[in-house]
Protein backbone atom coordinates (compact mmCIF):
# COMPACT_ATOMS: atom_id res chain seq x y z
CA MET A 1 191.20 341.89 229.51
CA SER A 2 189.93 338.16 228.97
CA GLN A 3 190.65 339.04 225.06
CA GLN A 4 191.73 341.32 222.97
CA VAL A 5 189.12 343.40 221.15
CA TYR A 6 189.06 345.93 218.34
CA ASN A 7 186.62 349.00 218.72
CA PHE A 8 185.48 350.08 216.06
CA GLY A 9 182.52 352.26 217.34
CA ALA A 10 182.41 355.84 215.15
CA GLY A 11 181.93 357.46 218.71
CA PRO A 12 182.72 357.27 221.85
CA ALA A 13 185.62 355.72 219.86
CA MET A 14 188.71 353.91 220.88
CA LEU A 15 191.71 355.70 223.01
CA PRO A 16 195.16 354.43 222.41
CA ALA A 17 195.85 351.67 225.42
CA GLU A 18 199.08 353.34 226.01
CA VAL A 19 196.85 356.83 226.94
CA MET A 20 194.11 354.20 229.20
CA GLN A 21 196.92 352.32 230.86
CA GLN A 22 198.49 355.95 232.02
CA ILE A 23 194.88 357.21 233.16
CA GLN A 24 194.83 354.05 234.84
CA GLN A 25 198.02 354.60 236.71
CA GLU A 26 197.63 358.42 237.38
CA LEU A 27 193.52 358.22 238.35
CA LEU A 28 193.66 358.03 242.26
CA ASP A 29 197.40 359.86 242.25
CA TYR A 30 198.19 362.71 240.33
CA ARG A 31 202.08 362.63 239.76
CA GLY A 32 202.45 362.66 243.40
CA MET A 33 199.54 365.12 244.79
CA GLY A 34 197.85 362.39 246.38
CA VAL A 35 194.38 363.39 245.12
CA SER A 36 192.72 363.04 241.61
CA VAL A 37 193.18 364.66 238.36
CA LEU A 38 189.08 364.50 238.85
CA GLU A 39 189.62 366.22 242.08
CA ILE A 40 192.03 369.04 240.78
CA SER A 41 190.54 372.93 240.96
CA HIS A 42 190.94 374.08 237.11
CA ARG A 43 192.47 376.95 238.55
CA CYS A 44 195.16 375.40 240.63
CA GLU A 45 199.06 375.76 239.16
CA GLU A 46 199.13 371.69 238.24
CA PHE A 47 196.33 372.04 235.70
CA GLY A 48 197.04 374.98 234.23
CA GLU A 49 200.38 373.27 233.48
CA ILE A 50 198.03 370.16 231.02
CA LEU A 51 195.78 373.33 229.60
CA THR A 52 199.14 374.79 228.79
CA SER A 53 200.95 372.06 227.90
CA ALA A 54 197.73 370.42 225.68
CA GLN A 55 197.60 374.00 223.76
CA GLN A 56 201.39 373.81 223.33
CA LEU A 57 201.31 370.51 221.83
CA PHE A 58 198.62 370.97 219.47
CA ARG A 59 200.33 374.15 218.01
CA GLU A 60 203.78 371.86 217.77
CA LEU A 61 201.91 369.14 216.39
CA THR A 62 199.66 371.07 213.19
CA GLY A 63 202.22 374.03 213.01
CA LEU A 64 199.02 376.04 213.92
CA PRO A 65 199.98 379.26 213.12
CA ASP A 66 200.01 382.36 215.58
CA ASN A 67 196.84 384.32 214.88
CA TYR A 68 194.44 381.15 215.65
CA ARG A 69 193.52 380.85 219.96
CA ILE A 70 192.76 377.21 220.69
CA LEU A 71 189.45 376.68 222.78
CA PHE A 72 187.80 373.87 225.35
CA MET A 73 184.01 374.54 225.33
CA HIS A 74 181.29 372.75 226.84
CA GLY A 75 178.73 370.37 224.58
CA GLY A 76 180.60 368.58 222.06
CA ALA A 77 179.84 369.61 218.34
CA ARG A 78 176.48 370.33 218.60
CA MET A 79 176.94 373.03 220.99
CA GLN A 80 179.11 374.17 218.14
CA PHE A 81 176.11 374.42 215.97
CA ALA A 82 174.30 377.18 217.70
CA ALA A 83 177.87 378.43 219.29
CA VAL A 84 178.98 379.29 215.44
CA PRO A 85 176.18 381.35 214.22
CA LEU A 86 175.74 383.17 217.75
CA ASN A 87 179.66 384.65 217.45
CA LEU A 88 179.93 384.93 213.51
CA ALA A 89 176.75 385.61 211.92
CA GLY A 90 177.44 389.61 213.01
CA ARG A 91 180.27 389.87 210.43
CA VAL A 92 177.31 391.13 207.88
CA ALA A 93 174.38 393.18 208.32
CA SER A 94 171.89 390.75 206.84
CA ARG A 95 173.29 387.66 209.28
CA LYS A 96 173.77 385.51 205.63
CA ALA A 97 175.02 382.28 206.31
CA LEU A 98 176.02 379.33 203.83
CA TYR A 99 176.39 375.64 204.56
CA CYS A 100 176.83 372.86 202.26
CA GLU A 101 174.52 369.53 203.24
CA THR A 102 176.66 366.50 202.75
CA GLY A 103 175.15 364.38 205.07
CA SER A 104 173.19 364.40 208.78
CA PHE A 105 175.41 366.37 210.58
CA ALA A 106 175.81 368.89 208.33
CA ARG A 107 172.03 369.09 208.00
CA VAL A 108 171.55 369.43 211.71
CA ALA A 109 173.85 372.00 211.42
CA ALA A 110 172.14 374.20 209.33
CA LYS A 111 168.89 373.65 211.29
CA ASP A 112 170.20 374.77 214.51
CA ALA A 113 171.61 377.82 212.98
CA SER A 114 168.56 378.81 211.33
CA ALA A 115 167.26 380.15 214.71
CA PHE A 116 170.41 382.44 214.95
CA ALA A 117 171.25 383.40 211.42
CA ALA A 118 169.96 383.67 207.85
CA VAL A 119 171.23 380.05 206.19
CA LYS A 120 171.07 379.57 202.86
CA THR A 121 172.07 375.90 201.91
CA ILE A 122 174.20 376.80 198.54
CA MET A 123 174.85 372.62 197.86
CA SER A 124 173.27 368.89 198.71
CA GLY A 125 174.03 365.29 198.80
CA ALA A 126 170.84 364.61 199.38
CA GLU A 127 170.22 363.57 195.85
CA THR A 128 172.71 360.62 195.41
CA GLY A 129 172.28 359.60 199.43
CA TYR A 130 175.15 361.83 200.42
CA ASP A 131 177.24 359.01 199.05
CA ARG A 132 179.74 361.72 197.55
CA ILE A 133 181.13 365.37 197.82
CA PRO A 134 179.15 367.30 195.20
CA GLN A 135 180.82 370.30 193.32
CA LEU A 136 180.74 373.50 194.71
CA PRO A 137 180.97 375.85 191.88
CA THR A 138 182.89 379.44 192.98
CA GLU A 139 180.26 381.35 192.04
CA LEU A 140 177.89 379.82 194.98
CA ILE A 141 179.93 380.91 197.47
CA GLU A 142 178.46 384.72 198.13
CA GLN A 143 180.71 387.36 198.98
CA ASP A 144 178.54 389.00 201.05
CA ALA A 145 178.06 385.91 203.50
CA ALA A 146 179.33 386.02 207.40
CA TYR A 147 180.74 382.60 206.81
CA LEU A 148 180.72 379.04 205.31
CA HIS A 149 180.58 375.82 206.82
CA ILE A 150 181.41 372.47 205.91
CA THR A 151 181.49 369.17 207.22
CA SER A 152 184.80 367.92 206.49
CA ASN A 153 184.12 364.19 207.38
CA ASN A 154 180.99 362.48 206.96
CA THR A 155 180.81 360.09 209.84
CA LEU A 156 177.55 358.22 208.55
CA TYR A 157 178.22 357.83 204.95
CA GLY A 158 181.94 357.51 205.04
CA THR A 159 182.69 360.25 202.66
CA ARG A 160 185.24 363.48 203.21
CA TRP A 161 186.12 366.61 201.36
CA ASN A 162 189.38 365.97 199.61
CA ARG A 163 189.91 369.25 198.81
CA PHE A 164 188.58 372.80 200.62
CA PRO A 165 186.64 374.97 198.76
CA GLN A 166 188.24 378.71 198.26
CA THR A 167 186.36 380.81 199.86
CA GLY A 168 187.58 384.46 198.75
CA ALA A 169 187.05 386.83 201.96
CA VAL A 170 184.20 384.55 203.27
CA PRO A 171 185.44 382.55 206.35
CA LEU A 172 185.43 378.99 206.03
CA VAL A 173 184.02 377.13 209.23
CA ALA A 174 184.41 373.13 209.43
CA ASP A 175 183.16 370.36 211.71
CA MET A 176 186.27 368.03 211.70
CA THR A 177 184.99 366.44 214.60
CA SER A 178 185.61 363.07 212.80
CA GLU A 179 189.05 363.72 211.21
CA LEU A 180 191.12 366.39 213.53
CA LEU A 181 194.20 365.22 213.47
CA SER A 182 193.98 362.00 210.78
CA ARG A 183 195.98 364.07 208.40
CA GLN A 184 198.09 367.08 207.49
CA ILE A 185 196.09 370.16 206.62
CA ASP A 186 196.63 374.38 205.97
CA PHE A 187 195.02 375.75 208.70
CA SER A 188 195.19 379.33 207.53
CA GLN A 189 192.54 378.14 205.05
CA PHE A 190 190.33 378.17 207.78
CA GLY A 191 187.78 380.81 209.85
CA LEU A 192 187.40 378.66 212.26
CA ILE A 193 187.71 374.64 212.96
CA PHE A 194 185.61 373.19 215.76
CA ALA A 195 185.87 369.21 216.89
CA GLY A 196 184.20 366.95 219.40
CA LEU A 197 186.41 365.24 221.18
CA GLN A 198 185.39 361.71 221.20
CA LYS A 199 186.79 360.65 217.85
CA ASN A 200 190.25 361.63 217.99
CA LEU A 201 190.87 363.29 220.71
CA GLY A 202 189.53 362.12 224.09
CA PRO A 203 186.25 361.46 225.88
CA ALA A 204 183.24 363.02 224.77
CA GLY A 205 181.36 366.22 225.72
CA MET A 206 183.49 369.18 224.71
CA ALA A 207 184.75 370.53 221.70
CA MET A 208 187.92 372.10 220.79
CA VAL A 209 187.61 375.03 218.84
CA ILE A 210 190.70 376.91 216.88
CA VAL A 211 189.35 380.09 215.59
CA ARG A 212 191.56 383.22 213.95
CA GLU A 213 191.44 386.31 216.54
CA ASP A 214 190.46 388.81 214.14
CA LEU A 215 186.64 386.81 214.69
CA LEU A 216 186.68 387.02 217.87
CA GLU A 217 184.75 390.24 217.87
CA TYR A 218 181.83 389.59 216.56
CA ALA A 219 179.74 388.22 219.20
CA GLY A 220 177.23 390.40 220.20
CA ASP A 221 176.24 391.08 224.29
CA GLN A 222 173.22 388.97 223.86
CA VAL A 223 175.62 385.82 223.36
CA PRO A 224 175.80 383.80 226.35
CA PRO A 225 179.09 383.68 227.72
CA LEU A 226 179.94 380.35 227.56
CA LEU A 227 178.93 379.98 223.93
CA SER A 228 181.19 383.50 223.59
CA TYR A 229 184.67 382.72 221.51
CA LYS A 230 185.55 386.54 222.68
CA GLN A 231 184.75 385.41 226.19
CA CYS A 232 186.47 382.16 226.44
CA ALA A 233 189.42 383.52 224.37
CA LYS A 234 189.27 386.06 226.77
CA ASP A 235 189.36 383.42 229.93
CA ASN A 236 191.66 381.25 228.64
CA SER A 237 188.31 378.34 228.41
CA LEU A 238 188.20 378.99 232.21
CA THR A 239 185.21 381.37 232.07
CA ASN A 240 183.51 378.42 234.69
CA THR A 241 184.27 374.97 235.73
CA THR A 242 186.01 373.12 232.80
CA ASN A 243 186.23 369.51 232.13
CA THR A 244 189.74 369.44 234.08
CA PHE A 245 189.44 365.38 232.92
CA ALA A 246 188.60 365.63 229.56
CA ILE A 247 191.40 368.54 228.48
CA TYR A 248 194.28 366.10 230.36
CA ALA A 249 193.02 362.79 228.74
CA ILE A 250 193.10 364.91 224.94
CA ARG A 251 197.04 366.01 226.44
CA LEU A 252 197.96 362.61 227.03
CA ALA A 253 196.48 362.16 223.43
CA LEU A 254 198.18 364.51 222.11
CA GLU A 255 201.44 363.29 223.85
CA TRP A 256 200.78 359.21 222.13
CA LEU A 257 200.09 361.42 218.76
CA LYS A 258 204.22 362.90 219.11
CA LYS A 259 205.33 359.66 219.76
CA GLN A 260 203.85 358.18 216.76
CA GLY A 261 205.72 360.61 214.50
CA GLY A 262 203.10 363.60 214.54
CA VAL A 263 200.26 364.06 212.03
CA ALA A 264 202.46 363.17 209.22
CA ALA A 265 203.16 359.73 210.30
CA ILE A 266 199.28 359.25 211.55
CA GLU A 267 198.69 360.34 208.08
CA LYS A 268 200.34 357.48 206.87
CA SER A 269 198.95 355.02 208.75
CA ASN A 270 195.55 356.20 208.38
CA GLU A 271 196.28 356.10 204.60
CA ARG A 272 197.52 352.19 204.70
CA LYS A 273 194.29 351.05 207.09
CA ALA A 274 191.75 352.21 204.58
CA ALA A 275 193.16 351.14 201.58
CA SER A 276 193.61 347.62 203.18
CA LEU A 277 189.34 347.95 203.38
CA TYR A 278 188.58 349.31 200.36
CA ALA A 279 190.99 346.94 198.15
CA MET A 280 188.68 344.05 199.91
CA LEU A 281 185.54 345.86 198.84
CA GLU A 282 186.76 346.73 195.37
CA ALA A 283 187.83 342.90 195.05
CA SER A 284 184.77 341.62 196.40
CA ASP A 285 181.26 340.45 194.56
CA PHE A 286 179.72 339.95 198.38
CA TYR A 287 180.32 343.75 199.76
CA SER A 288 179.81 346.75 197.99
CA GLY A 289 180.83 350.13 199.42
CA MET A 290 178.58 353.06 200.06
CA ALA A 291 180.60 355.67 199.21
CA HIS A 292 181.46 357.27 195.99
CA PRO A 293 185.38 355.85 195.51
CA GLU A 294 186.76 359.54 194.98
CA HIS A 295 185.13 360.68 198.22
CA ARG A 296 185.95 358.35 200.48
CA SER A 297 186.36 358.64 204.20
CA MET A 298 190.06 357.89 205.82
CA MET A 299 188.14 357.49 209.42
CA ASN A 300 185.28 355.64 208.25
CA VAL A 301 184.40 352.72 205.98
CA THR A 302 181.40 351.99 205.28
CA PHE A 303 179.48 349.37 203.45
CA ARG A 304 176.76 347.03 202.47
CA LEU A 305 176.15 343.13 202.35
CA PRO A 306 173.53 341.33 200.06
CA ASN A 307 170.50 341.92 202.48
CA GLU A 308 169.84 342.86 206.06
CA GLU A 309 170.30 339.35 207.56
CA LEU A 310 173.11 338.80 206.49
CA GLU A 311 174.52 342.63 208.48
CA ARG A 312 173.23 341.40 211.47
CA ARG A 313 174.72 337.87 211.46
CA PHE A 314 177.97 340.22 210.25
CA VAL A 315 177.76 342.22 213.26
CA SER A 316 176.88 339.87 215.44
CA GLU A 317 179.73 336.86 214.84
CA ALA A 318 182.17 339.82 214.37
CA GLU A 319 181.35 340.67 218.08
CA LYS A 320 182.04 337.25 219.08
CA ALA A 321 185.32 337.74 217.14
CA GLY A 322 186.35 340.71 218.79
CA LEU A 323 185.26 343.38 216.76
CA TYR A 324 183.35 345.82 218.18
CA ALA A 325 180.77 348.04 217.52
CA LEU A 326 180.54 347.53 213.10
CA ALA A 327 176.81 348.35 212.34
CA GLY A 328 175.94 351.57 210.78
CA HIS A 329 174.20 354.24 212.03
CA ARG A 330 170.33 353.50 212.49
CA SER A 331 169.51 356.01 209.91
CA VAL A 332 171.50 354.04 207.39
CA GLY A 333 172.01 350.60 207.70
CA GLY A 334 175.02 348.63 206.94
CA ILE A 335 178.13 348.24 208.25
CA ARG A 336 180.42 351.05 209.44
CA ALA A 337 183.95 350.48 210.51
CA SER A 338 185.33 353.78 212.13
CA ILE A 339 189.19 353.37 212.02
CA TYR A 340 190.47 356.83 213.97
CA ASN A 341 194.18 357.00 214.76
CA PRO A 342 193.93 354.84 217.58
CA MET A 343 192.85 352.17 215.31
CA PRO A 344 195.91 349.61 215.15
CA ILE A 345 196.85 348.22 211.58
CA ALA A 346 196.37 344.70 213.50
CA GLY A 347 192.77 345.85 214.34
CA VAL A 348 192.10 346.46 210.31
CA GLU A 349 194.13 343.46 209.00
CA THR A 350 191.84 341.44 212.13
CA LEU A 351 188.59 342.84 210.35
CA ALA A 352 189.99 342.49 206.77
CA GLY A 353 190.33 338.30 207.49
CA PHE A 354 187.17 338.25 209.31
CA MET A 355 185.44 339.61 206.12
CA ALA A 356 187.04 337.32 203.63
CA GLU A 357 185.73 334.63 206.14
CA PHE A 358 182.63 335.74 206.16
CA ALA A 359 181.90 336.07 202.87
CA ALA A 360 183.42 332.48 201.55
CA ASN A 361 181.19 331.27 204.11
CA ASN A 362 177.84 333.09 203.32
CA GLY A 363 178.27 333.96 199.78
């Protein structure tokens, strides 16, 4: 590279340099096979080892209980917006599904699900511009619902659920696309978790699904095989030709995470990174945070400058300084620094230094 660039993009996001280097080294010849991992069969012994070791590493790193299955599915997180109701709404005759609207992706998830379930939005943060996670009274979680869906971290707005709702007999479903493996969680709280790969796990285009085994039985015969959790679990994610390269990259990312000390160690690193940027916002009259302090994300730090012209200048000058993809989402504006697991502390420190200099020159 001509210079060190820190990628703050929300996704596809940066992968660890060590992982990228190993991909580069093995791309033309996967471990002496004489062919690329892009070329090997999804049913060959070598790929079977990649798939199995990725699943085992995830279990080891997370302490995932034995009664959960790990699936790799096509289409990223957006495909799961339809797959979840197709697989779970049949738990109840009414096909009622509860949704918490805490941001744009949560809203889209409810919209996509409405074709396959009787969707009921029981909480919304729209009135405050999604700058916080609203209170969710327990009485709103109707026990005759098939499931309750939340988006655990809201990429666009920089908020997250710090405490997950207690749902009783209703399975809790969480879209954890932008924070899976960034903090320790108790997986037994959830019936199902899914995440697109492109934040902390690997390249875009697939999703990891973690589903409790007792929930595999509710997909009707009308569910297409590639959207059926039951079929995917039966076939160990090999119902058809899967994205072998993506699963290979996941395995490398999990190996890297293990070398960092696992999820507990990376959570401490993430807390330190986020704290340094939030401290900058709190100490500044030039920058203003977009998320309510009690609901701030560790993965996506969002803030505004005094006007949009300064924001455009900030993004332009930051890119020249090797700080890439800091513009907020087009629907929200402002600045967004996505600091997923692979973002080194040095990258955040460089951004903080740039912010201080930019404020001094333009404040």
